[in-house]
Amino acid sequence: MEQNTAIASKRYFNKKNIVNVILISLMLLIAFVPPVKAYFIQGLMQIGLFSPAEQTKNATIPADLSKIVFEDTKGNQVSLADLKGKIIFLNFWATWCPPCIAEMPSINKLAQLYKDDKDIVFLMVDADSDFGKSVDFMNKRQYNLPVYKAVSSVPEVIFGGSLPTTIVLDKQGRLSFKEVGAANYNSKKFTNFIEKLKALKD
């Protein structure tokens, strides 16, 4: 009897089963633990996946920009029309969103690259409008990114509800780039895209 139990136990704990258990456990962690999923996505970014594509063709003004208003943590409000003449990097995110967390380091590096450039502004819009959580998130990770919340309706062409969503408006307020899902913005390809927008005269 004991011998049969030992044989059954040995069969159960063979190398193949152990590997399967590890893989299943890893997949469950990636699926249900946001920090693990974010770390996994960041790893994929490092090998060249999640690269944003240029989208300058057929750029159009999406709506009445004066009616699209955001508010910062100090209560200051700004409309997209107020920022006309600047390139606007607008990101919709949430603290619980793994793809948002995954792309945040690349956005922070991009923002640091342009921190002294008055031609480009960054608006990180917390989809939950919870400044307590979003500011704490930024501080813990030492990200120097300005947090906002929407205080007006936002046209679906800009934000349809999926997180993360990133758009870039050129100096004329035209929608020049839109990415739904995580992307690596700390890349030569994307900075070249920004530089092309800066060089546009109209």
N, C-alpha and C. Protein backbone atom coordinates (compact mmCIF):
# COMPACT_ATOMS: atom_id res chain seq x y z
N MET A 1 0.84 -1.22 0.00
CA MET A 1 0.00 0.00 0.00
C MET A 1 0.86 1.26 0.00
N GLU A 2 1.85 1.27 0.90
CA GLU A 2 2.74 2.42 0.98
C GLU A 2 3.54 2.59 -0.29
N GLN A 3 3.91 1.45 -0.88
CA GLN A 3 4.67 1.49 -2.13
C GLN A 3 3.84 2.09 -3.26
N ASN A 4 2.55 1.70 -3.32
CA ASN A 4 1.66 2.24 -4.34
C ASN A 4 1.47 3.75 -4.19
N THR A 5 1.35 4.18 -2.91
CA THR A 5 1.22 5.62 -2.63
C THR A 5 2.46 6.38 -3.07
N ALA A 6 3.61 5.82 -2.82
CA ALA A 6 4.88 6.45 -3.19
C ALA A 6 5.00 6.56 -4.70
N ILE A 7 4.57 5.50 -5.40
CA ILE A 7 4.64 5.52 -6.87
C ILE A 7 3.70 6.58 -7.44
N ALA A 8 2.47 6.64 -6.88
CA ALA A 8 1.49 7.64 -7.33
C ALA A 8 1.99 9.04 -7.06
N SER A 9 2.60 9.23 -5.89
CA SER A 9 3.13 10.54 -5.52
C SER A 9 4.26 10.94 -6.45
N LYS A 10 5.09 9.96 -6.80
CA LYS A 10 6.21 10.23 -7.69
C LYS A 10 5.73 10.64 -9.07
N ARG A 11 4.66 9.95 -9.55
CA ARG A 11 4.10 10.27 -10.84
C ARG A 11 3.53 11.68 -10.85
N TYR A 12 2.87 12.04 -9.75
CA TYR A 12 2.24 13.37 -9.66
C TYR A 12 3.28 14.48 -9.64
N PHE A 13 4.36 14.23 -8.90
CA PHE A 13 5.38 15.28 -8.75
C PHE A 13 6.54 15.09 -9.73
N ASN A 14 6.22 14.67 -10.95
CA ASN A 14 7.29 14.56 -11.93
C ASN A 14 7.62 15.95 -12.49
N LYS A 15 8.68 16.02 -13.25
CA LYS A 15 9.20 17.30 -13.74
C LYS A 15 8.17 18.06 -14.57
N LYS A 16 7.44 17.32 -15.43
CA LYS A 16 6.47 17.96 -16.32
C LYS A 16 5.36 18.63 -15.53
N ASN A 17 4.85 17.93 -14.51
CA ASN A 17 3.77 18.50 -13.71
C ASN A 17 4.22 19.72 -12.92
N ILE A 18 5.44 19.67 -12.41
CA ILE A 18 5.97 20.80 -11.64
C ILE A 18 6.10 22.04 -12.54
N VAL A 19 6.59 21.83 -13.76
CA VAL A 19 6.72 22.94 -14.72
C VAL A 19 5.34 23.51 -15.05
N ASN A 20 4.36 22.63 -15.25
CA ASN A 20 2.99 23.07 -15.55
C ASN A 20 2.41 23.91 -14.42
N VAL A 21 2.62 23.46 -13.19
CA VAL A 21 2.13 24.20 -12.02
C VAL A 21 2.77 25.59 -11.95
N ILE A 22 4.08 25.65 -12.21
CA ILE A 22 4.79 26.94 -12.18
C ILE A 22 4.25 27.87 -13.27
N LEU A 23 4.05 27.34 -14.48
CA LEU A 23 3.55 28.16 -15.58
C LEU A 23 2.13 28.66 -15.31
N ILE A 24 1.29 27.78 -14.79
CA ILE A 24 -0.09 28.18 -14.48
C ILE A 24 -0.09 29.25 -13.38
N SER A 25 0.75 29.07 -12.37
CA SER A 25 0.84 30.05 -11.28
C SER A 25 1.31 31.39 -11.80
N LEU A 26 2.29 31.35 -12.72
CA LEU A 26 2.81 32.59 -13.31
C LEU A 26 1.73 33.30 -14.12
N MET A 27 0.97 32.53 -14.91
CA MET A 27 -0.10 33.13 -15.71
C MET A 27 -1.19 33.74 -14.83
N LEU A 28 -1.50 33.08 -13.72
CA LEU A 28 -2.49 33.62 -12.79
C LEU A 28 -2.00 34.91 -12.15
N LEU A 29 -0.71 34.95 -11.81
CA LEU A 29 -0.13 36.17 -11.23
C LEU A 29 -0.22 37.32 -12.23
N ILE A 30 0.16 37.04 -13.48
CA ILE A 30 0.12 38.07 -14.52
C ILE A 30 -1.30 38.56 -14.75
N ALA A 31 -2.25 37.62 -14.70
CA ALA A 31 -3.64 37.98 -14.99
C ALA A 31 -4.31 38.75 -13.87
N PHE A 32 -3.98 38.42 -12.60
CA PHE A 32 -4.77 38.95 -11.48
C PHE A 32 -4.01 39.85 -10.51
N VAL A 33 -2.70 39.98 -10.66
CA VAL A 33 -1.93 40.85 -9.77
C VAL A 33 -1.38 42.02 -10.60
N PRO A 34 -1.99 43.22 -10.47
CA PRO A 34 -1.62 44.35 -11.34
C PRO A 34 -0.13 44.67 -11.40
N PRO A 35 0.61 44.73 -10.27
CA PRO A 35 2.04 45.05 -10.37
C PRO A 35 2.82 44.01 -11.17
N VAL A 36 2.45 42.74 -11.03
CA VAL A 36 3.13 41.69 -11.78
C VAL A 36 2.84 41.83 -13.28
N LYS A 37 1.58 42.09 -13.61
CA LYS A 37 1.20 42.27 -15.01
C LYS A 37 1.93 43.49 -15.60
N ALA A 38 2.01 44.57 -14.83
CA ALA A 38 2.70 45.78 -15.30
C ALA A 38 4.18 45.49 -15.55
N TYR A 39 4.79 44.75 -14.63
CA TYR A 39 6.21 44.40 -14.77
C TYR A 39 6.43 43.53 -16.01
N PHE A 40 5.50 42.62 -16.27
CA PHE A 40 5.58 41.75 -17.45
C PHE A 40 5.50 42.58 -18.73
N ILE A 41 4.57 43.54 -18.78
CA ILE A 41 4.43 44.41 -19.95
C ILE A 41 5.69 45.25 -20.15
N GLN A 42 6.25 45.76 -19.04
CA GLN A 42 7.49 46.54 -19.14
C GLN A 42 8.61 45.71 -19.75
N GLY A 43 8.66 44.42 -19.38
CA GLY A 43 9.66 43.53 -19.96
C GLY A 43 9.50 43.39 -21.46
N LEU A 44 8.25 43.31 -21.91
CA LEU A 44 7.98 43.22 -23.34
C LEU A 44 8.37 44.52 -24.05
N MET A 45 8.20 45.66 -23.35
CA MET A 45 8.61 46.94 -23.92
C MET A 45 10.11 46.97 -24.16
N GLN A 46 10.86 46.37 -23.23
CA GLN A 46 12.32 46.38 -23.33
C GLN A 46 12.83 45.63 -24.55
N ILE A 47 12.05 44.67 -25.05
CA ILE A 47 12.49 43.91 -26.22
C ILE A 47 11.88 44.46 -27.51
N GLY A 48 11.27 45.64 -27.41
CA GLY A 48 10.83 46.34 -28.62
C GLY A 48 9.35 46.25 -28.94
N LEU A 49 8.57 45.57 -28.10
CA LEU A 49 7.13 45.53 -28.34
C LEU A 49 6.48 46.79 -27.78
N PHE A 50 5.22 47.00 -28.11
CA PHE A 50 4.45 48.16 -27.64
C PHE A 50 5.07 49.48 -28.11
N SER A 51 5.51 49.50 -29.35
CA SER A 51 6.09 50.71 -29.91
C SER A 51 4.97 51.53 -30.58
N PRO A 52 4.79 52.79 -30.17
CA PRO A 52 3.72 53.61 -30.77
C PRO A 52 4.05 53.96 -32.21
N ALA A 53 3.00 54.03 -33.03
CA ALA A 53 3.19 54.36 -34.45
C ALA A 53 2.90 55.83 -34.69
N GLU A 54 3.63 56.42 -35.63
CA GLU A 54 3.36 57.82 -35.99
C GLU A 54 1.98 57.93 -36.64
N GLN A 55 1.29 59.03 -36.35
CA GLN A 55 -0.05 59.21 -36.90
C GLN A 55 -0.29 60.67 -37.26
N THR A 56 0.55 61.22 -38.08
CA THR A 56 0.42 62.64 -38.42
C THR A 56 -0.50 62.88 -39.61
N LYS A 57 -0.79 61.83 -40.38
CA LYS A 57 -1.61 62.02 -41.58
C LYS A 57 -3.07 62.31 -41.23
N ASN A 58 -3.67 63.17 -42.02
CA ASN A 58 -5.09 63.50 -41.87
C ASN A 58 -5.44 64.01 -40.46
N ALA A 59 -4.50 64.74 -39.85
CA ALA A 59 -4.75 65.29 -38.52
C ALA A 59 -5.86 66.33 -38.59
N THR A 60 -6.82 66.25 -37.68
CA THR A 60 -7.95 67.17 -37.67
C THR A 60 -8.19 67.70 -36.26
N ILE A 61 -8.83 68.85 -36.17
CA ILE A 61 -9.22 69.38 -34.87
C ILE A 61 -10.43 68.58 -34.40
N PRO A 62 -10.35 67.91 -33.25
CA PRO A 62 -11.38 66.96 -32.85
C PRO A 62 -12.70 67.55 -32.39
N ALA A 63 -12.69 68.76 -31.86
CA ALA A 63 -13.91 69.35 -31.29
C ALA A 63 -13.62 70.78 -30.91
N ASP A 64 -14.60 71.41 -30.25
CA ASP A 64 -14.39 72.75 -29.71
C ASP A 64 -13.47 72.62 -28.49
N LEU A 65 -12.21 72.95 -28.67
CA LEU A 65 -11.21 72.72 -27.63
C LEU A 65 -11.46 73.53 -26.37
N SER A 66 -12.18 74.63 -26.50
CA SER A 66 -12.43 75.48 -25.33
C SER A 66 -13.39 74.80 -24.35
N LYS A 67 -14.13 73.81 -24.83
CA LYS A 67 -15.09 73.12 -23.97
C LYS A 67 -14.52 71.86 -23.31
N ILE A 68 -13.26 71.55 -23.62
CA ILE A 68 -12.60 70.39 -23.02
C ILE A 68 -11.67 70.91 -21.94
N VAL A 69 -12.11 70.75 -20.68
CA VAL A 69 -11.44 71.42 -19.56
C VAL A 69 -10.93 70.41 -18.54
N PHE A 70 -9.72 70.69 -18.03
CA PHE A 70 -9.10 69.85 -17.01
C PHE A 70 -8.70 70.71 -15.82
N GLU A 71 -8.57 70.07 -14.68
CA GLU A 71 -8.21 70.78 -13.44
C GLU A 71 -7.04 70.08 -12.78
N ASP A 72 -6.06 70.87 -12.30
CA ASP A 72 -4.90 70.27 -11.63
C ASP A 72 -5.15 70.14 -10.13
N THR A 73 -4.17 69.66 -9.41
CA THR A 73 -4.33 69.37 -7.99
C THR A 73 -4.50 70.63 -7.14
N LYS A 74 -4.19 71.79 -7.71
CA LYS A 74 -4.34 73.05 -6.98
C LYS A 74 -5.64 73.76 -7.32
N GLY A 75 -6.45 73.15 -8.15
CA GLY A 75 -7.73 73.75 -8.52
C GLY A 75 -7.67 74.64 -9.74
N ASN A 76 -6.51 74.73 -10.36
CA ASN A 76 -6.38 75.54 -11.58
C ASN A 76 -6.97 74.79 -12.76
N GLN A 77 -7.81 75.48 -13.53
CA GLN A 77 -8.44 74.86 -14.68
C GLN A 77 -7.81 75.35 -15.98
N VAL A 78 -7.73 74.45 -16.95
CA VAL A 78 -7.18 74.79 -18.25
C VAL A 78 -7.96 74.03 -19.32
N SER A 79 -8.28 74.73 -20.40
CA SER A 79 -8.93 74.07 -21.53
C SER A 79 -7.87 73.76 -22.57
N LEU A 80 -8.19 72.85 -23.47
CA LEU A 80 -7.23 72.54 -24.53
C LEU A 80 -7.02 73.74 -25.45
N ALA A 81 -8.03 74.61 -25.53
CA ALA A 81 -7.88 75.83 -26.34
C ALA A 81 -6.86 76.77 -25.72
N ASP A 82 -6.78 76.78 -24.38
CA ASP A 82 -5.80 77.63 -23.70
C ASP A 82 -4.37 77.24 -24.06
N LEU A 83 -4.19 75.99 -24.45
CA LEU A 83 -2.85 75.47 -24.73
C LEU A 83 -2.51 75.49 -26.21
N LYS A 84 -3.36 76.10 -27.01
CA LYS A 84 -3.09 76.18 -28.44
C LYS A 84 -1.78 76.92 -28.67
N GLY A 85 -0.99 76.42 -29.58
CA GLY A 85 0.35 76.95 -29.80
C GLY A 85 1.41 76.06 -29.18
N LYS A 86 0.96 75.07 -28.40
CA LYS A 86 1.85 74.09 -27.79
C LYS A 86 1.47 72.68 -28.25
N ILE A 87 2.43 71.78 -28.19
CA ILE A 87 2.14 70.36 -28.43
C ILE A 87 1.63 69.80 -27.10
N ILE A 88 0.50 69.12 -27.15
CA ILE A 88 -0.13 68.59 -25.94
C ILE A 88 -0.03 67.07 -25.92
N PHE A 89 0.63 66.55 -24.91
CA PHE A 89 0.69 65.10 -24.67
C PHE A 89 -0.32 64.81 -23.57
N LEU A 90 -1.41 64.15 -23.94
CA LEU A 90 -2.54 63.94 -23.04
C LEU A 90 -2.73 62.44 -22.81
N ASN A 91 -2.61 62.03 -21.55
CA ASN A 91 -2.70 60.61 -21.21
C ASN A 91 -3.80 60.37 -20.19
N PHE A 92 -4.71 59.45 -20.50
CA PHE A 92 -5.77 59.05 -19.57
C PHE A 92 -5.34 57.73 -18.92
N TRP A 93 -5.34 57.68 -17.60
CA TRP A 93 -4.79 56.54 -16.88
C TRP A 93 -5.50 56.36 -15.55
N ALA A 94 -5.13 55.30 -14.83
CA ALA A 94 -5.65 55.06 -13.48
C ALA A 94 -4.61 54.27 -12.69
N THR A 95 -4.63 54.43 -11.39
CA THR A 95 -3.62 53.78 -10.53
C THR A 95 -3.76 52.27 -10.49
N TRP A 96 -4.95 51.75 -10.80
CA TRP A 96 -5.20 50.31 -10.73
C TRP A 96 -4.99 49.61 -12.07
N CYS A 97 -4.62 50.35 -13.09
CA CYS A 97 -4.53 49.84 -14.47
C CYS A 97 -3.11 49.37 -14.79
N PRO A 98 -2.88 48.04 -14.92
CA PRO A 98 -1.52 47.53 -15.18
C PRO A 98 -0.85 48.10 -16.42
N PRO A 99 -1.54 48.20 -17.58
CA PRO A 99 -0.87 48.80 -18.74
C PRO A 99 -0.49 50.26 -18.51
N CYS A 100 -1.32 50.98 -17.73
CA CYS A 100 -1.00 52.38 -17.40
C CYS A 100 0.29 52.43 -16.57
N ILE A 101 0.36 51.56 -15.58
CA ILE A 101 1.54 51.50 -14.71
C ILE A 101 2.77 51.13 -15.52
N ALA A 102 2.59 50.21 -16.47
CA ALA A 102 3.71 49.73 -17.27
C ALA A 102 4.32 50.82 -18.14
N GLU A 103 3.48 51.67 -18.74
CA GLU A 103 4.01 52.69 -19.65
C GLU A 103 4.46 53.97 -18.94
N MET A 104 4.10 54.10 -17.65
CA MET A 104 4.38 55.35 -16.94
C MET A 104 5.87 55.71 -16.88
N PRO A 105 6.79 54.75 -16.65
CA PRO A 105 8.21 55.13 -16.63
C PRO A 105 8.67 55.75 -17.94
N SER A 106 8.16 55.25 -19.06
CA SER A 106 8.58 55.80 -20.36
C SER A 106 8.02 57.21 -20.56
N ILE A 107 6.80 57.44 -20.07
CA ILE A 107 6.22 58.79 -20.16
C ILE A 107 7.01 59.76 -19.29
N ASN A 108 7.38 59.29 -18.10
CA ASN A 108 8.15 60.14 -17.20
C ASN A 108 9.50 60.53 -17.82
N LYS A 109 10.15 59.58 -18.47
CA LYS A 109 11.44 59.87 -19.12
C LYS A 109 11.25 60.84 -20.28
N LEU A 110 10.16 60.67 -21.03
CA LEU A 110 9.87 61.61 -22.12
C LEU A 110 9.63 63.01 -21.57
N ALA A 111 8.87 63.09 -20.49
CA ALA A 111 8.58 64.40 -19.88
C ALA A 111 9.86 65.06 -19.35
N GLN A 112 10.75 64.27 -18.79
CA GLN A 112 12.01 64.82 -18.30
C GLN A 112 12.87 65.34 -19.45
N LEU A 113 12.79 64.64 -20.59
CA LEU A 113 13.55 65.08 -21.76
C LEU A 113 13.10 66.46 -22.23
N TYR A 114 11.78 66.74 -22.07
CA TYR A 114 11.22 68.01 -22.55
C TYR A 114 10.83 68.95 -21.41
N LYS A 115 11.37 68.73 -20.23
CA LYS A 115 10.94 69.52 -19.07
C LYS A 115 11.23 71.02 -19.21
N ASP A 116 12.23 71.39 -19.99
CA ASP A 116 12.57 72.81 -20.17
C ASP A 116 12.07 73.36 -21.51
N ASP A 117 11.28 72.55 -22.21
CA ASP A 117 10.78 72.95 -23.52
C ASP A 117 9.37 73.52 -23.37
N LYS A 118 9.22 74.81 -23.64
CA LYS A 118 7.93 75.47 -23.47
C LYS A 118 6.94 75.14 -24.60
N ASP A 119 7.40 74.42 -25.62
CA ASP A 119 6.53 74.09 -26.74
C ASP A 119 5.72 72.83 -26.51
N ILE A 120 5.95 72.11 -25.41
CA ILE A 120 5.23 70.87 -25.16
C ILE A 120 4.76 70.80 -23.71
N VAL A 121 3.51 70.37 -23.52
CA VAL A 121 2.96 70.23 -22.17
C VAL A 121 2.41 68.81 -22.00
N PHE A 122 2.48 68.34 -20.76
CA PHE A 122 2.01 67.00 -20.42
C PHE A 122 0.82 67.11 -19.47
N LEU A 123 -0.25 66.41 -19.78
CA LEU A 123 -1.42 66.35 -18.91
C LEU A 123 -1.73 64.87 -18.64
N MET A 124 -1.51 64.45 -17.41
CA MET A 124 -1.81 63.07 -17.02
C MET A 124 -3.16 63.09 -16.32
N VAL A 125 -4.19 62.61 -17.02
CA VAL A 125 -5.56 62.74 -16.53
C VAL A 125 -6.00 61.47 -15.83
N ASP A 126 -6.20 61.58 -14.51
CA ASP A 126 -6.66 60.45 -13.70
C ASP A 126 -8.13 60.17 -14.04
N ALA A 127 -8.38 59.02 -14.64
CA ALA A 127 -9.75 58.69 -15.06
C ALA A 127 -10.70 58.55 -13.89
N ASP A 128 -10.17 58.27 -12.69
CA ASP A 128 -10.99 58.15 -11.49
C ASP A 128 -11.18 59.48 -10.76
N SER A 129 -10.45 60.51 -11.19
CA SER A 129 -10.49 61.84 -10.54
C SER A 129 -10.19 61.75 -9.05
N ASP A 130 -9.31 60.84 -8.68
CA ASP A 130 -8.94 60.64 -7.27
C ASP A 130 -7.51 61.15 -7.08
N PHE A 131 -7.40 62.46 -6.78
CA PHE A 131 -6.09 63.06 -6.62
C PHE A 131 -5.28 62.43 -5.49
N GLY A 132 -5.95 62.00 -4.43
CA GLY A 132 -5.25 61.40 -3.31
C GLY A 132 -4.43 60.19 -3.77
N LYS A 133 -5.07 59.30 -4.48
CA LYS A 133 -4.39 58.09 -4.95
C LYS A 133 -3.38 58.39 -6.06
N SER A 134 -3.77 59.24 -7.00
CA SER A 134 -2.89 59.49 -8.14
C SER A 134 -1.63 60.26 -7.75
N VAL A 135 -1.76 61.24 -6.86
CA VAL A 135 -0.58 61.99 -6.41
C VAL A 135 0.32 61.09 -5.57
N ASP A 136 -0.28 60.25 -4.73
CA ASP A 136 0.50 59.31 -3.93
C ASP A 136 1.26 58.35 -4.84
N PHE A 137 0.60 57.89 -5.90
CA PHE A 137 1.24 57.00 -6.87
C PHE A 137 2.47 57.67 -7.48
N MET A 138 2.31 58.91 -7.93
CA MET A 138 3.42 59.64 -8.56
C MET A 138 4.56 59.87 -7.57
N ASN A 139 4.22 60.25 -6.35
CA ASN A 139 5.25 60.54 -5.35
C ASN A 139 6.05 59.30 -4.96
N LYS A 140 5.35 58.18 -4.77
CA LYS A 140 6.04 56.94 -4.37
C LYS A 140 7.04 56.48 -5.43
N ARG A 141 6.72 56.72 -6.67
CA ARG A 141 7.59 56.28 -7.77
C ARG A 141 8.52 57.38 -8.25
N GLN A 142 8.42 58.55 -7.61
CA GLN A 142 9.25 59.70 -7.95
C GLN A 142 9.10 60.12 -9.42
N TYR A 143 7.86 60.08 -9.89
CA TYR A 143 7.57 60.57 -11.23
C TYR A 143 7.24 62.06 -11.14
N ASN A 144 7.79 62.82 -12.04
CA ASN A 144 7.54 64.26 -12.06
C ASN A 144 6.55 64.57 -13.19
N LEU A 145 5.31 64.11 -12.99
CA LEU A 145 4.28 64.26 -14.02
C LEU A 145 3.07 64.98 -13.42
N PRO A 146 2.55 65.99 -14.11
CA PRO A 146 1.41 66.77 -13.58
C PRO A 146 0.10 65.99 -13.70
N VAL A 147 -0.61 65.87 -12.59
CA VAL A 147 -1.86 65.11 -12.55
C VAL A 147 -3.06 66.06 -12.70
N TYR A 148 -4.01 65.65 -13.53
CA TYR A 148 -5.23 66.42 -13.77
C TYR A 148 -6.45 65.51 -13.67
N LYS A 149 -7.61 66.14 -13.62
CA LYS A 149 -8.87 65.41 -13.77
C LYS A 149 -9.74 66.19 -14.76
N ALA A 150 -10.61 65.48 -15.45
CA ALA A 150 -11.52 66.14 -16.39
C ALA A 150 -12.66 66.78 -15.61
N VAL A 151 -12.96 68.04 -15.93
CA VAL A 151 -14.09 68.73 -15.30
C VAL A 151 -15.12 69.12 -16.35
N SER A 152 -15.03 68.49 -17.51
CA SER A 152 -16.00 68.67 -18.58
C SER A 152 -16.15 67.33 -19.28
N SER A 153 -17.09 67.26 -20.18
CA SER A 153 -17.19 66.05 -20.99
C SER A 153 -16.00 66.04 -21.96
N VAL A 154 -15.56 64.83 -22.31
CA VAL A 154 -14.45 64.68 -23.25
C VAL A 154 -14.95 63.91 -24.46
N PRO A 155 -14.79 64.45 -25.67
CA PRO A 155 -15.29 63.77 -26.87
C PRO A 155 -14.71 62.37 -27.00
N GLU A 156 -15.53 61.47 -27.51
CA GLU A 156 -15.10 60.07 -27.65
C GLU A 156 -13.90 59.93 -28.58
N VAL A 157 -13.76 60.84 -29.53
CA VAL A 157 -12.63 60.77 -30.44
C VAL A 157 -11.31 60.96 -29.68
N ILE A 158 -11.38 61.64 -28.53
CA ILE A 158 -10.19 61.82 -27.70
C ILE A 158 -10.08 60.70 -26.67
N PHE A 159 -11.17 60.42 -25.96
CA PHE A 159 -11.14 59.37 -24.94
C PHE A 159 -12.44 58.59 -24.96
N GLY A 160 -12.34 57.32 -25.35
CA GLY A 160 -13.52 56.48 -25.45
C GLY A 160 -13.76 55.60 -24.25
N GLY A 161 -12.92 55.74 -23.20
CA GLY A 161 -13.11 54.97 -21.99
C GLY A 161 -12.07 53.90 -21.74
N SER A 162 -11.28 53.54 -22.75
CA SER A 162 -10.25 52.51 -22.58
C SER A 162 -8.99 53.11 -21.97
N LEU A 163 -8.40 52.36 -21.05
CA LEU A 163 -7.18 52.82 -20.39
C LEU A 163 -6.02 51.87 -20.68
N PRO A 164 -4.82 52.44 -20.87
CA PRO A 164 -4.55 53.87 -21.05
C PRO A 164 -4.90 54.32 -22.47
N THR A 165 -5.18 55.61 -22.60
CA THR A 165 -5.33 56.24 -23.92
C THR A 165 -4.43 57.47 -23.93
N THR A 166 -3.65 57.58 -24.98
CA THR A 166 -2.75 58.72 -25.14
C THR A 166 -3.04 59.41 -26.45
N ILE A 167 -3.17 60.71 -26.41
CA ILE A 167 -3.30 61.49 -27.65
C ILE A 167 -2.26 62.60 -27.63
N VAL A 168 -1.91 63.05 -28.82
CA VAL A 168 -1.02 64.20 -28.97
C VAL A 168 -1.69 65.18 -29.93
N LEU A 169 -1.84 66.40 -29.48
CA LEU A 169 -2.35 67.48 -30.33
C LEU A 169 -1.19 68.34 -30.78
N ASP A 170 -1.19 68.74 -32.04
CA ASP A 170 -0.12 69.62 -32.51
C ASP A 170 -0.41 71.06 -32.08
N LYS A 171 0.42 71.98 -32.51
CA LYS A 171 0.30 73.37 -32.06
C LYS A 171 -1.00 74.04 -32.50
N GLN A 172 -1.62 73.49 -33.54
CA GLN A 172 -2.88 74.04 -34.01
C GLN A 172 -4.09 73.35 -33.37
N GLY A 173 -3.83 72.46 -32.45
CA GLY A 173 -4.92 71.76 -31.78
C GLY A 173 -5.45 70.58 -32.56
N ARG A 174 -4.68 70.13 -33.56
CA ARG A 174 -5.12 69.00 -34.37
C ARG A 174 -4.69 67.68 -33.73
N LEU A 175 -5.58 66.70 -33.80
CA LEU A 175 -5.30 65.38 -33.26
C LEU A 175 -4.30 64.69 -34.17
N SER A 176 -3.06 64.59 -33.72
CA SER A 176 -1.98 64.07 -34.57
C SER A 176 -1.55 62.66 -34.20
N PHE A 177 -1.98 62.21 -33.03
CA PHE A 177 -1.57 60.87 -32.56
C PHE A 177 -2.60 60.36 -31.57
N LYS A 178 -2.93 59.07 -31.69
CA LYS A 178 -3.80 58.44 -30.69
C LYS A 178 -3.37 56.99 -30.52
N GLU A 179 -3.18 56.59 -29.28
CA GLU A 179 -2.80 55.21 -28.96
C GLU A 179 -3.69 54.72 -27.82
N VAL A 180 -4.39 53.63 -28.06
CA VAL A 180 -5.20 53.00 -27.02
C VAL A 180 -4.46 51.74 -26.57
N GLY A 181 -4.05 51.72 -25.31
CA GLY A 181 -3.24 50.62 -24.81
C GLY A 181 -1.84 51.11 -24.47
N ALA A 182 -1.07 50.26 -23.81
CA ALA A 182 0.26 50.63 -23.37
C ALA A 182 1.21 50.82 -24.54
N ALA A 183 2.15 51.75 -24.38
CA ALA A 183 3.18 51.97 -25.40
C ALA A 183 4.43 52.50 -24.73
N ASN A 184 5.55 52.32 -25.39
CA ASN A 184 6.83 52.82 -24.90
C ASN A 184 7.11 54.16 -25.56
N TYR A 185 6.98 55.24 -24.79
CA TYR A 185 7.17 56.58 -25.34
C TYR A 185 8.60 57.08 -25.17
N ASN A 186 9.44 56.31 -24.51
CA ASN A 186 10.84 56.68 -24.36
C ASN A 186 11.65 56.01 -25.47
N SER A 187 11.36 56.42 -26.70
CA SER A 187 12.04 55.82 -27.84
C SER A 187 12.45 56.90 -28.83
N LYS A 188 13.49 56.62 -29.59
CA LYS A 188 13.97 57.57 -30.60
C LYS A 188 12.88 57.85 -31.63
N LYS A 189 12.13 56.81 -31.98
CA LYS A 189 11.07 56.94 -32.96
C LYS A 189 10.02 57.95 -32.51
N PHE A 190 9.64 57.88 -31.23
CA PHE A 190 8.60 58.79 -30.76
C PHE A 190 9.13 60.21 -30.57
N THR A 191 10.35 60.35 -30.08
CA THR A 191 10.91 61.70 -29.94
C THR A 191 11.11 62.35 -31.31
N ASN A 192 11.44 61.55 -32.31
CA ASN A 192 11.52 62.09 -33.68
C ASN A 192 10.16 62.60 -34.13
N PHE A 193 9.11 61.87 -33.76
CA PHE A 193 7.75 62.29 -34.09
C PHE A 193 7.42 63.63 -33.42
N ILE A 194 7.79 63.77 -32.15
CA ILE A 194 7.56 65.03 -31.43
C ILE A 194 8.33 66.17 -32.09
N GLU A 195 9.56 65.90 -32.48
CA GLU A 195 10.38 66.93 -33.11
C GLU A 195 9.78 67.37 -34.45
N LYS A 196 9.19 66.43 -35.18
CA LYS A 196 8.52 66.79 -36.44
C LYS A 196 7.34 67.72 -36.17
N LEU A 197 6.59 67.43 -35.09
CA LEU A 197 5.47 68.31 -34.75
C LEU A 197 5.97 69.70 -34.36
N LYS A 198 7.07 69.75 -33.65
CA LYS A 198 7.62 71.05 -33.25
C LYS A 198 8.05 71.87 -34.46
N ALA A 199 8.49 71.18 -35.49
CA ALA A 199 9.01 71.88 -36.67
C ALA A 199 7.90 72.34 -37.60
N LEU A 200 6.66 71.83 -37.43
CA LEU A 200 5.58 72.23 -38.30
C LEU A 200 5.25 73.71 -38.13
N LYS A 201 5.06 74.39 -39.24
CA LYS A 201 4.77 75.83 -39.20
C LYS A 201 3.28 76.09 -39.10
N ASP A 202 2.45 75.18 -39.65
CA ASP A 202 1.00 75.37 -39.58
C ASP A 202 0.30 74.03 -39.56
